[in-house]
Amino acid sequence: MKTYEEAHLRSIMKAVSYRLLAAITTTTIVFAFTRRIVLLLGIGAVEAIAKIIRYYIHVKIVVFYRFWLEEASAIFLACREAPG
């Protein structure tokens, strides 16, 4: 595995653990304002799933962007060093 790649499973696990903590925060706030368990569970579930997906996509974009920058830099340096 190259240094700029992050395994899919690792990205998923990071997203899930982060979202669980964030979902607990969100549901606690929802409960504090509404005192309704059904609303807490509904908002917590939708929020957690949507943001896990969003975070996973974000991580992959960042990793791809870093890879692209490294490749572009290598090409640029190779062109500058080429006899000409």
Protein backbone atom coordinates (compact mmCIF):
# COMPACT_ATOMS: atom_id res chain seq x y z
CA MET A 1 0.00 0.00 0.00
CA LYS A 2 1.34 3.41 -0.95
CA THR A 3 1.59 6.13 1.69
CA TYR A 4 -1.10 8.34 0.13
CA GLU A 5 -3.73 5.61 0.15
CA GLU A 6 -6.01 4.89 3.05
CA ALA A 7 -7.71 1.53 3.13
CA HIS A 8 -11.48 1.58 2.65
CA LEU A 9 -12.05 -0.32 5.90
CA ARG A 10 -9.89 2.14 7.86
CA SER A 11 -11.80 5.09 6.36
CA ILE A 12 -15.10 3.45 7.22
CA MET A 13 -14.05 2.68 10.80
CA LYS A 14 -12.84 6.25 11.36
CA ALA A 15 -16.08 7.62 9.95
CA VAL A 16 -18.24 5.33 12.08
CA SER A 17 -16.42 6.03 15.35
CA TYR A 18 -16.47 9.78 14.79
CA ARG A 19 -20.13 9.74 13.82
CA LEU A 20 -21.15 7.71 16.85
CA LEU A 21 -19.66 10.34 19.13
CA ALA A 22 -21.26 13.14 17.14
CA ALA A 23 -24.63 11.34 17.05
CA ILE A 24 -24.59 11.01 20.83
CA THR A 25 -24.03 14.76 21.06
CA THR A 26 -26.82 15.53 18.58
CA THR A 27 -29.33 13.19 20.21
CA THR A 28 -28.53 14.58 23.65
CA ILE A 29 -29.26 18.08 22.38
CA VAL A 30 -32.49 16.93 20.67
CA PHE A 31 -33.63 15.24 23.88
CA ALA A 32 -32.74 18.28 25.99
CA PHE A 33 -34.96 20.50 23.82
CA THR A 34 -37.85 18.11 23.06
CA ARG A 35 -37.88 15.37 25.74
CA ARG A 36 -39.17 13.03 22.99
CA ILE A 37 -37.43 9.67 22.59
CA VAL A 38 -38.99 8.93 19.16
CA LEU A 39 -37.71 12.23 17.76
CA LEU A 40 -34.30 11.61 19.32
CA LEU A 41 -34.01 8.17 17.69
CA GLY A 42 -35.23 9.33 14.28
CA ILE A 43 -32.98 12.35 14.07
CA GLY A 44 -30.04 10.40 15.50
CA ALA A 45 -30.35 7.59 12.94
CA VAL A 46 -30.77 9.81 9.89
CA GLU A 47 -28.03 12.20 11.01
CA ALA A 48 -25.53 9.42 11.73
CA ILE A 49 -26.02 7.56 8.45
CA ALA A 50 -26.00 10.69 6.28
CA LYS A 51 -22.87 12.06 7.90
CA ILE A 52 -20.99 8.74 7.81
CA ILE A 53 -21.47 8.70 4.06
CA ARG A 54 -20.49 12.35 3.76
CA TYR A 55 -17.35 11.89 5.88
CA TYR A 56 -16.25 8.82 3.90
CA ILE A 57 -16.57 10.73 0.63
CA HIS A 58 -14.70 13.67 2.15
CA VAL A 59 -11.78 11.45 3.24
CA LYS A 60 -11.50 9.89 -0.20
CA ILE A 61 -11.50 13.31 -1.89
CA VAL A 62 -8.74 14.55 0.42
CA VAL A 63 -6.64 11.43 -0.20
CA PHE A 64 -7.17 11.68 -3.97
CA TYR A 65 -6.30 15.38 -3.96
CA ARG A 66 -3.08 14.69 -2.05
CA PHE A 67 -2.23 11.92 -4.55
CA TRP A 68 -2.95 14.25 -7.48
CA LEU A 69 -0.69 16.96 -6.02
CA GLU A 70 2.14 14.47 -5.51
CA GLU A 71 1.81 13.19 -9.08
CA ALA A 72 1.62 16.71 -10.54
CA SER A 73 4.70 17.73 -8.54
CA ALA A 74 6.64 14.69 -9.74
CA ILE A 75 5.73 15.40 -13.37
CA PHE A 76 6.66 19.07 -13.01
CA LEU A 77 10.04 18.21 -11.48
CA ALA A 78 10.73 15.60 -14.14
CA CYS A 79 10.00 18.15 -16.88
CA ARG A 80 12.29 20.74 -15.29
CA GLU A 81 15.13 18.25 -14.93
CA ALA A 82 14.82 16.79 -18.42
CA PRO A 83 17.60 17.82 -20.79
CA GLY A 84 16.26 20.10 -23.23
